């Protein structure tokens, strides 16, 4: 197993064989981990890096239009690629390639995979935190001393206001 799969299995050890469902982001999931979790009576779903070992090559090479989806199923594991603004790859042991209709902010009816909707409901807070952390210059500019960045940023704010 790769290191990320070992981390998941170590953390999930007390919860295995109890019928739980695991949701994480693309750093941790792979088809190999899905097979191991299925054997441990644990379901899972989340985003997936399309270059992971065991992911069908067609998922990476096939071009699809916005709003379309392609899916591959092997036993209980379903791997999907859906095109929104950019391609989103998902893996799930509880979802099929079902699409649901949702209303967007502009009152338009759009179709999204059910797996995406449930992933957004469960992982929204973590992804939102990661998104907001990118706005802070202290994290982006690692080579400089943090106090220099803070002082320069404070001076810039004084002149802007």
Foldseek 3Di string as FASTA:
>chain_A
DDPLLVVVCVVCVVVFLVQEEEEDEAVRDDVVSQVVRVVRNYWYKYWHDCPGPPRDPCLVVPDDDAQDKDWDDDPQKIWMWHHHVHITIMITSPFDQDWDWDQDPVRDIGIDGPRVVVNCVVCVVVVVVVVVVVPDVCVVPVPDDSVVVVVVVVVVVVVVD
